[in-house]
Amino acid sequence: MRMLKYAILFAVFSLIDALTTWIGTHRGFAEANPVLAERLSNPLLFFGSFTLFTLLGVGVIAFSFYLAKRVPAMNYFPALFVALKALPVLNNLILLTGLPPLKLTLAATARWLLGFA
């Protein structure tokens, strides 16, 4: 069940990453990944690449659960792998909002404090 949770989270972050990358590049931002940058001219190729990378990532997560039975330290890998997938999503969202990261962080913190105070 945990494997399914991590696989779904990874797939959701991958989908958000693909969409925000597509939107951002069409708004004038440059894609830093040269493998994906050359595929931006063809939507089928671009989203197909993301689908392939997502399937490979889910496979890595599944394999890490298999390895965790033999190497207990591998239990930490899925959470770390999903967190690393979330970083480009966060970066893309910061860029698309147009706010400086510090201002965005302060605004989010203020909302959180006011909402939960």
N, C-alpha and C. Protein backbone atom coordinates (compact mmCIF):
# COMPACT_ATOMS: atom_id res chain seq x y z
N MET A 1 0.82 -1.19 0.00
CA MET A 1 0.00 0.00 0.00
C MET A 1 0.87 1.26 0.00
N ARG A 2 1.98 1.24 0.77
CA ARG A 2 2.87 2.40 0.78
C ARG A 2 3.47 2.64 -0.59
N MET A 3 3.78 1.55 -1.31
CA MET A 3 4.36 1.70 -2.64
C MET A 3 3.38 2.43 -3.56
N LEU A 4 2.12 2.09 -3.46
CA LEU A 4 1.10 2.74 -4.30
C LEU A 4 1.01 4.23 -3.97
N LYS A 5 1.09 4.57 -2.69
CA LYS A 5 1.04 5.97 -2.27
C LYS A 5 2.20 6.76 -2.89
N TYR A 6 3.41 6.21 -2.80
CA TYR A 6 4.57 6.90 -3.35
C TYR A 6 4.51 6.96 -4.88
N ALA A 7 4.03 5.91 -5.50
CA ALA A 7 3.93 5.90 -6.96
C ALA A 7 2.92 6.94 -7.44
N ILE A 8 1.80 7.05 -6.75
CA ILE A 8 0.79 8.04 -7.13
C ILE A 8 1.31 9.47 -6.91
N LEU A 9 1.97 9.69 -5.77
CA LEU A 9 2.55 11.02 -5.53
C LEU A 9 3.57 11.38 -6.60
N PHE A 10 4.42 10.42 -6.95
CA PHE A 10 5.42 10.66 -7.98
C PHE A 10 4.75 10.99 -9.32
N ALA A 11 3.71 10.25 -9.67
CA ALA A 11 3.01 10.48 -10.93
C ALA A 11 2.31 11.85 -10.94
N VAL A 12 1.73 12.23 -9.82
CA VAL A 12 1.06 13.54 -9.73
C VAL A 12 2.08 14.67 -9.88
N PHE A 13 3.22 14.55 -9.17
CA PHE A 13 4.25 15.57 -9.30
C PHE A 13 4.80 15.61 -10.73
N SER A 14 4.90 14.47 -11.36
CA SER A 14 5.39 14.43 -12.73
C SER A 14 4.42 15.12 -13.68
N LEU A 15 3.13 14.89 -13.47
CA LEU A 15 2.12 15.53 -14.31
C LEU A 15 2.15 17.05 -14.12
N ILE A 16 2.23 17.50 -12.87
CA ILE A 16 2.30 18.94 -12.61
C ILE A 16 3.57 19.53 -13.20
N ASP A 17 4.68 18.78 -13.08
CA ASP A 17 5.95 19.24 -13.66
C ASP A 17 5.83 19.39 -15.17
N ALA A 18 5.22 18.42 -15.82
CA ALA A 18 5.06 18.48 -17.27
C ALA A 18 4.20 19.68 -17.68
N LEU A 19 3.09 19.86 -16.99
CA LEU A 19 2.19 20.96 -17.35
C LEU A 19 2.81 22.33 -17.08
N THR A 20 3.47 22.48 -15.93
CA THR A 20 4.08 23.77 -15.63
C THR A 20 5.29 24.04 -16.52
N THR A 21 6.00 23.00 -16.90
CA THR A 21 7.11 23.18 -17.84
C THR A 21 6.57 23.62 -19.20
N TRP A 22 5.53 22.96 -19.66
CA TRP A 22 4.92 23.30 -20.96
C TRP A 22 4.41 24.75 -20.95
N ILE A 23 3.69 25.11 -19.90
CA ILE A 23 3.15 26.47 -19.80
C ILE A 23 4.29 27.49 -19.72
N GLY A 24 5.27 27.20 -18.87
CA GLY A 24 6.39 28.13 -18.69
C GLY A 24 7.19 28.36 -19.95
N THR A 25 7.47 27.31 -20.69
CA THR A 25 8.24 27.48 -21.92
C THR A 25 7.44 28.22 -22.98
N HIS A 26 6.14 28.08 -22.96
CA HIS A 26 5.32 28.82 -23.92
C HIS A 26 5.10 30.27 -23.48
N ARG A 27 5.48 30.58 -22.25
CA ARG A 27 5.45 31.97 -21.77
C ARG A 27 6.82 32.63 -21.88
N GLY A 28 7.79 31.90 -22.42
CA GLY A 28 9.09 32.50 -22.66
C GLY A 28 10.22 32.03 -21.77
N PHE A 29 9.94 31.16 -20.80
CA PHE A 29 11.01 30.63 -19.97
C PHE A 29 11.78 29.57 -20.74
N ALA A 30 13.05 29.43 -20.41
CA ALA A 30 13.89 28.43 -21.07
C ALA A 30 13.88 27.14 -20.26
N GLU A 31 13.89 26.02 -20.96
CA GLU A 31 13.98 24.71 -20.30
C GLU A 31 15.45 24.40 -20.06
N ALA A 32 15.81 24.13 -18.80
CA ALA A 32 17.20 23.87 -18.45
C ALA A 32 17.65 22.46 -18.85
N ASN A 33 16.72 21.54 -18.94
CA ASN A 33 17.06 20.16 -19.28
C ASN A 33 17.16 20.04 -20.81
N PRO A 34 18.36 19.80 -21.34
CA PRO A 34 18.51 19.75 -22.80
C PRO A 34 17.75 18.60 -23.46
N VAL A 35 17.54 17.52 -22.74
CA VAL A 35 16.79 16.38 -23.29
C VAL A 35 15.35 16.77 -23.56
N LEU A 36 14.75 17.48 -22.61
CA LEU A 36 13.36 17.92 -22.79
C LEU A 36 13.26 19.15 -23.69
N ALA A 37 14.27 20.01 -23.66
CA ALA A 37 14.24 21.24 -24.46
C ALA A 37 14.12 20.93 -25.95
N GLU A 38 14.78 19.89 -26.40
CA GLU A 38 14.71 19.57 -27.83
C GLU A 38 13.39 18.90 -28.22
N ARG A 39 12.60 18.50 -27.24
CA ARG A 39 11.31 17.87 -27.52
C ARG A 39 10.13 18.83 -27.42
N LEU A 40 10.39 20.09 -27.08
CA LEU A 40 9.31 21.05 -26.87
C LEU A 40 8.56 21.42 -28.15
N SER A 41 9.17 21.20 -29.29
CA SER A 41 8.50 21.57 -30.55
C SER A 41 7.36 20.62 -30.89
N ASN A 42 7.36 19.44 -30.32
CA ASN A 42 6.33 18.44 -30.61
C ASN A 42 5.65 18.03 -29.31
N PRO A 43 4.38 18.40 -29.11
CA PRO A 43 3.71 18.07 -27.85
C PRO A 43 3.66 16.56 -27.58
N LEU A 44 3.46 15.77 -28.61
CA LEU A 44 3.39 14.32 -28.41
C LEU A 44 4.73 13.78 -27.92
N LEU A 45 5.80 14.26 -28.49
CA LEU A 45 7.14 13.84 -28.07
C LEU A 45 7.46 14.35 -26.66
N PHE A 46 7.07 15.58 -26.36
CA PHE A 46 7.34 16.15 -25.04
C PHE A 46 6.59 15.38 -23.95
N PHE A 47 5.28 15.25 -24.10
CA PHE A 47 4.50 14.56 -23.07
C PHE A 47 4.77 13.06 -23.08
N GLY A 48 5.13 12.51 -24.21
CA GLY A 48 5.54 11.10 -24.26
C GLY A 48 6.81 10.87 -23.47
N SER A 49 7.76 11.80 -23.57
CA SER A 49 9.00 11.70 -22.79
C SER A 49 8.69 11.75 -21.30
N PHE A 50 7.82 12.68 -20.91
CA PHE A 50 7.45 12.76 -19.50
C PHE A 50 6.77 11.48 -19.03
N THR A 51 5.93 10.91 -19.87
CA THR A 51 5.27 9.65 -19.52
C THR A 51 6.30 8.54 -19.33
N LEU A 52 7.25 8.45 -20.25
CA LEU A 52 8.29 7.44 -20.13
C LEU A 52 9.11 7.64 -18.86
N PHE A 53 9.52 8.89 -18.58
CA PHE A 53 10.30 9.16 -17.38
C PHE A 53 9.49 8.86 -16.11
N THR A 54 8.19 9.12 -16.16
CA THR A 54 7.33 8.83 -15.01
C THR A 54 7.24 7.33 -14.78
N LEU A 55 7.06 6.57 -15.85
CA LEU A 55 7.01 5.12 -15.71
C LEU A 55 8.32 4.56 -15.18
N LEU A 56 9.43 5.10 -15.65
CA LEU A 56 10.73 4.66 -15.13
C LEU A 56 10.85 5.00 -13.64
N GLY A 57 10.40 6.19 -13.25
CA GLY A 57 10.44 6.58 -11.84
C GLY A 57 9.59 5.69 -10.96
N VAL A 58 8.40 5.34 -11.43
CA VAL A 58 7.54 4.43 -10.68
C VAL A 58 8.20 3.06 -10.57
N GLY A 59 8.87 2.64 -11.64
CA GLY A 59 9.60 1.37 -11.59
C GLY A 59 10.73 1.40 -10.57
N VAL A 60 11.42 2.52 -10.49
CA VAL A 60 12.50 2.68 -9.50
C VAL A 60 11.93 2.62 -8.08
N ILE A 61 10.78 3.25 -7.88
CA ILE A 61 10.13 3.20 -6.57
C ILE A 61 9.74 1.76 -6.22
N ALA A 62 9.15 1.05 -7.16
CA ALA A 62 8.77 -0.35 -6.92
C ALA A 62 10.01 -1.20 -6.61
N PHE A 63 11.08 -0.99 -7.36
CA PHE A 63 12.30 -1.76 -7.15
C PHE A 63 12.91 -1.44 -5.79
N SER A 64 12.80 -0.19 -5.35
CA SER A 64 13.35 0.17 -4.04
C SER A 64 12.60 -0.54 -2.92
N PHE A 65 11.30 -0.77 -3.09
CA PHE A 65 10.55 -1.53 -2.08
C PHE A 65 11.01 -2.98 -2.05
N TYR A 66 11.33 -3.52 -3.22
CA TYR A 66 11.87 -4.88 -3.28
C TYR A 66 13.22 -4.94 -2.57
N LEU A 67 14.07 -3.95 -2.83
CA LEU A 67 15.39 -3.92 -2.21
C LEU A 67 15.31 -3.66 -0.70
N ALA A 68 14.28 -2.95 -0.26
CA ALA A 68 14.15 -2.64 1.16
C ALA A 68 13.99 -3.90 2.01
N LYS A 69 13.52 -4.98 1.40
CA LYS A 69 13.40 -6.24 2.13
C LYS A 69 14.78 -6.79 2.48
N ARG A 70 15.76 -6.47 1.66
CA ARG A 70 17.13 -6.96 1.88
C ARG A 70 18.03 -5.91 2.52
N VAL A 71 17.79 -4.64 2.18
CA VAL A 71 18.61 -3.54 2.70
C VAL A 71 17.67 -2.54 3.37
N PRO A 72 17.57 -2.56 4.68
CA PRO A 72 16.60 -1.69 5.37
C PRO A 72 16.76 -0.20 5.07
N ALA A 73 17.96 0.23 4.75
CA ALA A 73 18.17 1.66 4.45
C ALA A 73 17.39 2.10 3.22
N MET A 74 17.02 1.17 2.36
CA MET A 74 16.26 1.53 1.15
C MET A 74 14.84 1.97 1.47
N ASN A 75 14.39 1.78 2.72
CA ASN A 75 13.06 2.26 3.10
C ASN A 75 12.95 3.78 3.00
N TYR A 76 14.07 4.48 3.08
CA TYR A 76 14.07 5.94 2.99
C TYR A 76 14.03 6.43 1.55
N PHE A 77 14.36 5.59 0.61
CA PHE A 77 14.51 6.03 -0.77
C PHE A 77 13.22 6.55 -1.40
N PRO A 78 12.08 5.86 -1.30
CA PRO A 78 10.87 6.37 -1.98
C PRO A 78 10.49 7.78 -1.57
N ALA A 79 10.55 8.08 -0.28
CA ALA A 79 10.18 9.43 0.17
C ALA A 79 11.16 10.47 -0.38
N LEU A 80 12.43 10.13 -0.37
CA LEU A 80 13.45 11.04 -0.91
C LEU A 80 13.26 11.23 -2.41
N PHE A 81 12.96 10.17 -3.12
CA PHE A 81 12.77 10.21 -4.57
C PHE A 81 11.57 11.09 -4.92
N VAL A 82 10.48 10.96 -4.18
CA VAL A 82 9.29 11.79 -4.42
C VAL A 82 9.59 13.24 -4.08
N ALA A 83 10.31 13.47 -2.99
CA ALA A 83 10.66 14.85 -2.62
C ALA A 83 11.53 15.49 -3.70
N LEU A 84 12.45 14.72 -4.27
CA LEU A 84 13.28 15.27 -5.34
C LEU A 84 12.45 15.57 -6.59
N LYS A 85 11.39 14.82 -6.81
CA LYS A 85 10.51 15.10 -7.95
C LYS A 85 9.68 16.35 -7.69
N ALA A 86 9.43 16.66 -6.42
CA ALA A 86 8.64 17.84 -6.07
C ALA A 86 9.44 19.13 -6.26
N LEU A 87 10.76 19.08 -6.21
CA LEU A 87 11.57 20.29 -6.33
C LEU A 87 11.37 21.03 -7.65
N PRO A 88 11.41 20.35 -8.82
CA PRO A 88 11.16 21.12 -10.05
C PRO A 88 9.74 21.67 -10.14
N VAL A 89 8.79 20.98 -9.52
CA VAL A 89 7.42 21.49 -9.50
C VAL A 89 7.38 22.79 -8.71
N LEU A 90 8.00 22.79 -7.55
CA LEU A 90 8.05 24.00 -6.74
C LEU A 90 8.76 25.14 -7.48
N ASN A 91 9.86 24.82 -8.11
CA ASN A 91 10.60 25.81 -8.89
C ASN A 91 9.73 26.38 -10.01
N ASN A 92 9.06 25.53 -10.76
CA ASN A 92 8.20 25.99 -11.85
C ASN A 92 7.07 26.87 -11.34
N LEU A 93 6.47 26.48 -10.23
CA LEU A 93 5.37 27.27 -9.68
C LEU A 93 5.86 28.64 -9.21
N ILE A 94 7.04 28.69 -8.62
CA ILE A 94 7.61 29.98 -8.20
C ILE A 94 7.85 30.86 -9.43
N LEU A 95 8.41 30.29 -10.49
CA LEU A 95 8.67 31.07 -11.70
C LEU A 95 7.38 31.55 -12.35
N LEU A 96 6.36 30.69 -12.38
CA LEU A 96 5.11 31.06 -13.05
C LEU A 96 4.33 32.11 -12.27
N THR A 97 4.50 32.17 -10.95
CA THR A 97 3.79 33.21 -10.19
C THR A 97 4.38 34.58 -10.42
N GLY A 98 5.66 34.61 -10.79
CA GLY A 98 6.32 35.89 -11.03
C GLY A 98 6.78 36.60 -9.78
N LEU A 99 6.57 35.98 -8.63
CA LEU A 99 7.00 36.59 -7.37
C LEU A 99 8.42 36.15 -7.03
N PRO A 100 9.18 37.02 -6.40
CA PRO A 100 10.48 36.58 -5.90
C PRO A 100 10.27 35.49 -4.84
N PRO A 101 11.14 34.51 -4.74
CA PRO A 101 10.94 33.41 -3.79
C PRO A 101 10.74 33.86 -2.34
N LEU A 102 11.46 34.89 -1.90
CA LEU A 102 11.31 35.35 -0.52
C LEU A 102 9.92 35.93 -0.28
N LYS A 103 9.44 36.73 -1.23
CA LYS A 103 8.10 37.32 -1.09
C LYS A 103 7.03 36.23 -1.12
N LEU A 104 7.21 35.24 -1.99
CA LEU A 104 6.26 34.14 -2.07
C LEU A 104 6.26 33.35 -0.76
N THR A 105 7.43 33.11 -0.19
CA THR A 105 7.53 32.37 1.07
C THR A 105 6.87 33.15 2.20
N LEU A 106 7.12 34.45 2.26
CA LEU A 106 6.51 35.27 3.30
C LEU A 106 4.99 35.30 3.16
N ALA A 107 4.49 35.38 1.95
CA ALA A 107 3.04 35.40 1.73
C ALA A 107 2.42 34.07 2.14
N ALA A 108 3.06 32.97 1.77
CA ALA A 108 2.53 31.65 2.12
C ALA A 108 2.58 31.44 3.64
N THR A 109 3.65 31.90 4.27
CA THR A 109 3.77 31.76 5.73
C THR A 109 2.71 32.60 6.43
N ALA A 110 2.48 33.80 5.94
CA ALA A 110 1.46 34.66 6.55
C ALA A 110 0.08 34.02 6.42
N ARG A 111 -0.23 33.48 5.27
CA ARG A 111 -1.53 32.81 5.08
C ARG A 111 -1.65 31.62 6.01
N TRP A 112 -0.57 30.86 6.15
CA TRP A 112 -0.59 29.68 7.00
C TRP A 112 -0.81 30.10 8.45
N LEU A 113 -0.11 31.15 8.90
CA LEU A 113 -0.24 31.59 10.28
C LEU A 113 -1.65 32.13 10.55
N LEU A 114 -2.18 32.89 9.61
CA LEU A 114 -3.53 33.44 9.80
C LEU A 114 -4.59 32.37 9.72
N GLY A 115 -4.37 31.37 8.87
CA GLY A 115 -5.36 30.31 8.72
C GLY A 115 -5.39 29.33 9.87
N PHE A 116 -4.26 29.15 10.54
CA PHE A 116 -4.20 28.15 11.60
C PHE A 116 -4.04 28.75 12.98
N ALA A 117 -4.06 30.08 13.07
CA ALA A 117 -3.85 30.72 14.38
C ALA A 117 -5.11 30.64 15.23
